[in-house]
């Protein structure tokens, strides 16, 4: 069985429940003309700017400035992951 999925994700700020931030933090994420396309089975395409992901624990003064222009992420096939990331703390 073939599955066709189209997933467009653009994330400016993402902070999962596992992330812990204490102190001052400044995030400034800008994206322009970003496109993320995933076609096929179990594919992921993401464009991310200035985000906190995964099990990140931040203490103190942290400042992130990220900018993307014309970023394109395309995943085609089976089990493919493509990411354009700038200014990211943590994983997944």
N, C-alpha and C. Protein backbone atom coordinates (compact mmCIF):
# COMPACT_ATOMS: atom_id res chain seq x y z
N UNK A 1 0.84 -1.18 0.00
CA UNK A 1 0.00 0.00 0.00
C UNK A 1 0.88 1.24 0.00
N UNK A 2 0.57 2.15 -0.87
CA UNK A 2 1.34 3.39 -0.97
C UNK A 2 0.58 4.51 -0.29
N UNK A 3 1.31 5.31 0.40
CA UNK A 3 0.71 6.47 1.07
C UNK A 3 1.35 7.73 0.52
N UNK A 4 0.54 8.73 0.33
CA UNK A 4 1.02 10.02 -0.16
C UNK A 4 0.68 11.07 0.89
N UNK A 5 1.71 11.72 1.39
CA UNK A 5 1.50 12.71 2.44
C UNK A 5 2.17 14.01 2.05
N UNK A 6 1.48 15.09 2.29
CA UNK A 6 2.04 16.41 2.05
C UNK A 6 2.03 17.15 3.38
N UNK A 7 3.21 17.50 3.83
CA UNK A 7 3.34 18.13 5.14
C UNK A 7 4.15 19.40 5.01
N UNK A 8 3.55 20.51 5.38
CA UNK A 8 4.26 21.79 5.36
C UNK A 8 4.38 22.30 6.78
N UNK A 9 5.61 22.47 7.23
CA UNK A 9 5.84 22.91 8.60
C UNK A 9 6.79 24.10 8.59
N UNK A 10 6.37 25.18 9.21
CA UNK A 10 7.27 26.31 9.42
C UNK A 10 7.14 26.70 10.88
N UNK A 11 8.21 26.59 11.62
CA UNK A 11 8.16 26.83 13.04
C UNK A 11 9.04 28.03 13.39
N UNK A 12 8.45 29.00 14.02
CA UNK A 12 9.21 30.15 14.49
C UNK A 12 9.70 29.92 15.92
N UNK A 13 8.83 29.45 16.79
CA UNK A 13 9.20 29.19 18.17
C UNK A 13 8.49 27.95 18.65
N UNK A 14 9.26 26.97 19.10
CA UNK A 14 8.67 25.74 19.61
C UNK A 14 9.39 25.36 20.89
N UNK A 15 8.64 25.19 21.98
CA UNK A 15 9.22 24.79 23.25
C UNK A 15 8.43 23.62 23.80
N UNK A 16 8.92 22.38 23.64
CA UNK A 16 8.22 21.22 24.15
C UNK A 16 8.19 21.19 25.67
N UNK A 17 7.37 20.33 26.23
CA UNK A 17 7.20 20.24 27.67
C UNK A 17 8.49 19.80 28.37
N UNK A 18 9.38 19.12 27.68
CA UNK A 18 10.61 18.64 28.30
C UNK A 18 11.68 19.73 28.39
N UNK A 19 11.54 20.81 27.67
CA UNK A 19 12.51 21.90 27.74
C UNK A 19 12.31 22.70 29.02
N UNK A 20 13.42 23.12 29.63
CA UNK A 20 13.36 23.90 30.86
C UNK A 20 14.23 25.13 30.70
N UNK A 21 13.63 26.30 30.80
CA UNK A 21 14.35 27.56 30.62
C UNK A 21 14.26 28.37 31.90
N UNK A 22 15.43 28.79 32.43
CA UNK A 22 15.46 29.63 33.62
C UNK A 22 16.32 30.84 33.31
N UNK A 23 15.88 32.01 33.69
CA UNK A 23 16.65 33.22 33.43
C UNK A 23 16.12 33.95 32.22
N UNK A 24 16.95 34.83 31.66
CA UNK A 24 16.56 35.63 30.52
C UNK A 24 16.83 34.88 29.22
N UNK A 25 15.93 35.02 28.28
CA UNK A 25 16.12 34.42 26.95
C UNK A 25 15.46 35.32 25.92
N UNK A 26 16.14 35.57 24.83
CA UNK A 26 15.60 36.37 23.72
C UNK A 26 15.69 35.55 22.43
N UNK A 27 14.60 35.37 21.77
CA UNK A 27 14.57 34.66 20.49
C UNK A 27 14.08 35.61 19.42
N UNK A 28 14.74 35.63 18.29
CA UNK A 28 14.33 36.46 17.17
C UNK A 28 14.49 35.64 15.89
N UNK A 29 13.44 35.03 15.43
CA UNK A 29 13.50 34.17 14.25
C UNK A 29 12.76 34.80 13.08
N UNK A 30 13.40 34.81 11.94
CA UNK A 30 12.78 35.36 10.74
C UNK A 30 12.92 34.36 9.60
N UNK A 31 11.87 34.13 8.87
CA UNK A 31 11.92 33.26 7.70
C UNK A 31 11.26 33.98 6.54
N UNK A 32 11.76 33.75 5.35
CA UNK A 32 11.19 34.39 4.18
C UNK A 32 11.12 33.38 3.04
N UNK A 33 9.96 33.13 2.54
CA UNK A 33 9.78 32.23 1.41
C UNK A 33 10.15 30.79 1.72
N UNK A 34 9.95 30.32 2.94
CA UNK A 34 10.30 28.95 3.30
C UNK A 34 9.22 27.98 2.86
N UNK A 35 9.64 26.84 2.37
CA UNK A 35 8.73 25.79 1.92
C UNK A 35 9.26 24.45 2.40
N UNK A 36 8.42 23.64 3.00
CA UNK A 36 8.80 22.29 3.42
C UNK A 36 7.77 21.31 2.85
N UNK A 37 8.24 20.34 2.08
CA UNK A 37 7.33 19.39 1.43
C UNK A 37 7.83 17.97 1.68
N UNK A 38 6.96 17.11 2.17
CA UNK A 38 7.29 15.70 2.37
C UNK A 38 6.30 14.86 1.58
N UNK A 39 6.80 14.08 0.63
CA UNK A 39 5.96 13.23 -0.20
C UNK A 39 6.44 11.80 -0.08
N UNK A 40 5.55 10.88 0.28
CA UNK A 40 5.92 9.48 0.41
C UNK A 40 5.52 8.93 1.76
N UNK A 41 6.12 7.81 2.11
CA UNK A 41 5.79 7.10 3.34
C UNK A 41 6.80 7.42 4.43
N UNK A 42 6.32 7.87 5.58
CA UNK A 42 7.16 8.19 6.75
C UNK A 42 8.25 9.23 6.44
N UNK A 43 7.89 10.28 5.73
CA UNK A 43 8.83 11.35 5.40
C UNK A 43 8.58 12.58 6.26
N UNK A 44 9.62 13.37 6.51
CA UNK A 44 9.52 14.58 7.29
C UNK A 44 10.34 15.68 6.62
N UNK A 45 9.74 16.85 6.46
CA UNK A 45 10.45 18.02 5.94
C UNK A 45 10.14 19.20 6.85
N UNK A 46 11.18 19.86 7.36
CA UNK A 46 10.99 20.95 8.32
C UNK A 46 11.89 22.13 8.02
N UNK A 47 11.35 23.33 8.22
CA UNK A 47 12.12 24.57 8.23
C UNK A 47 11.93 25.19 9.62
N UNK A 48 13.02 25.41 10.33
CA UNK A 48 12.94 25.88 11.70
C UNK A 48 13.92 27.03 11.91
N UNK A 49 13.45 28.08 12.56
CA UNK A 49 14.32 29.20 12.92
C UNK A 49 14.05 29.62 14.35
N UNK A 50 15.10 29.74 15.15
CA UNK A 50 15.04 30.20 16.54
C UNK A 50 14.07 29.37 17.37
N UNK A 51 14.47 28.15 17.69
CA UNK A 51 13.59 27.29 18.48
C UNK A 51 14.37 26.53 19.55
N UNK A 52 13.62 26.05 20.53
CA UNK A 52 14.16 25.22 21.60
C UNK A 52 13.48 23.87 21.48
N UNK A 53 14.27 22.82 21.32
CA UNK A 53 13.71 21.50 21.08
C UNK A 53 14.23 20.48 22.06
N UNK A 54 13.51 19.39 22.18
CA UNK A 54 13.96 18.22 22.92
C UNK A 54 14.20 18.47 24.39
N UNK A 55 15.21 17.83 24.93
CA UNK A 55 15.51 17.89 26.35
C UNK A 55 16.46 19.01 26.71
N UNK A 56 16.31 20.15 26.07
CA UNK A 56 17.20 21.29 26.31
C UNK A 56 16.92 21.90 27.67
N UNK A 57 17.97 22.16 28.42
CA UNK A 57 17.86 22.84 29.70
C UNK A 57 18.75 24.07 29.63
N UNK A 58 18.16 25.23 29.77
CA UNK A 58 18.89 26.48 29.61
C UNK A 58 18.85 27.26 30.92
N UNK A 59 19.99 27.73 31.38
CA UNK A 59 20.06 28.58 32.56
C UNK A 59 20.92 29.79 32.23
N UNK A 60 20.49 30.95 32.65
CA UNK A 60 21.28 32.15 32.41
C UNK A 60 20.74 32.96 31.25
N UNK A 61 21.57 33.85 30.75
CA UNK A 61 21.17 34.74 29.66
C UNK A 61 21.49 34.11 28.32
N UNK A 62 20.49 33.84 27.54
CA UNK A 62 20.67 33.23 26.22
C UNK A 62 19.96 34.08 25.19
N UNK A 63 20.63 34.37 24.10
CA UNK A 63 20.05 35.15 23.02
C UNK A 63 20.28 34.43 21.70
N UNK A 64 19.23 34.23 20.93
CA UNK A 64 19.33 33.55 19.64
C UNK A 64 18.74 34.46 18.58
N UNK A 65 19.48 34.70 17.52
CA UNK A 65 18.95 35.39 16.36
C UNK A 65 19.16 34.49 15.17
N UNK A 66 18.10 34.19 14.46
CA UNK A 66 18.20 33.28 13.31
C UNK A 66 17.44 33.88 12.14
N UNK A 67 17.94 33.64 10.95
CA UNK A 67 17.29 34.16 9.76
C UNK A 67 17.46 33.17 8.62
N UNK A 68 16.41 32.91 7.88
CA UNK A 68 16.47 32.06 6.70
C UNK A 68 15.82 32.80 5.54
N UNK A 69 16.42 32.69 4.38
CA UNK A 69 15.84 33.31 3.18
C UNK A 69 15.75 32.26 2.09
N UNK A 70 14.59 32.09 1.54
CA UNK A 70 14.40 31.17 0.42
C UNK A 70 14.75 29.73 0.73
N UNK A 71 14.60 29.29 1.96
CA UNK A 71 14.94 27.92 2.35
C UNK A 71 13.87 26.95 1.85
N UNK A 72 14.31 25.84 1.29
CA UNK A 72 13.39 24.82 0.80
C UNK A 72 13.85 23.47 1.30
N UNK A 73 12.97 22.70 1.90
CA UNK A 73 13.28 21.34 2.34
C UNK A 73 12.29 20.39 1.67
N UNK A 74 12.78 19.43 0.90
CA UNK A 74 11.93 18.50 0.18
C UNK A 74 12.36 17.08 0.49
N UNK A 75 11.44 16.26 0.98
CA UNK A 75 11.71 14.85 1.27
C UNK A 75 10.82 13.99 0.39
N UNK A 76 11.43 13.15 -0.45
CA UNK A 76 10.69 12.29 -1.36
C UNK A 76 11.21 10.87 -1.21
N UNK A 77 10.31 9.92 -1.13
CA UNK A 77 10.70 8.51 -1.03
C UNK A 77 10.10 7.87 0.19
N UNK A 78 10.85 7.01 0.85
CA UNK A 78 10.38 6.30 2.03
C UNK A 78 11.36 6.54 3.17
N UNK A 79 10.84 7.03 4.31
CA UNK A 79 11.64 7.22 5.51
C UNK A 79 12.72 8.27 5.38
N UNK A 80 12.45 9.36 4.68
CA UNK A 80 13.43 10.42 4.48
C UNK A 80 13.14 11.60 5.39
N UNK A 81 14.18 12.19 5.97
CA UNK A 81 14.04 13.37 6.81
C UNK A 81 14.95 14.47 6.29
N UNK A 82 14.37 15.65 6.05
CA UNK A 82 15.12 16.80 5.57
C UNK A 82 14.79 17.98 6.48
N UNK A 83 15.84 18.70 6.92
CA UNK A 83 15.63 19.84 7.81
C UNK A 83 16.52 21.00 7.42
N UNK A 84 15.95 22.21 7.43
CA UNK A 84 16.70 23.46 7.36
C UNK A 84 16.52 24.12 8.72
N UNK A 85 17.58 24.14 9.52
CA UNK A 85 17.48 24.68 10.87
C UNK A 85 18.55 25.74 11.09
N UNK A 86 18.14 26.83 11.71
CA UNK A 86 19.09 27.86 12.13
C UNK A 86 18.66 28.40 13.47
N UNK A 87 19.62 28.55 14.37
CA UNK A 87 19.33 29.05 15.71
C UNK A 87 18.53 28.07 16.54
N UNK A 88 18.91 26.80 16.54
CA UNK A 88 18.16 25.75 17.25
C UNK A 88 18.98 25.25 18.44
N UNK A 89 18.35 25.16 19.60
CA UNK A 89 18.96 24.59 20.78
C UNK A 89 18.25 23.27 21.08
N UNK A 90 18.98 22.22 21.30
CA UNK A 90 18.41 20.92 21.57
C UNK A 90 18.22 20.11 20.31
N UNK A 91 17.70 18.92 20.46
CA UNK A 91 17.50 18.04 19.32
C UNK A 91 16.08 17.56 19.17
N UNK A 92 15.81 17.04 18.00
CA UNK A 92 14.52 16.50 17.61
C UNK A 92 13.44 17.43 18.02
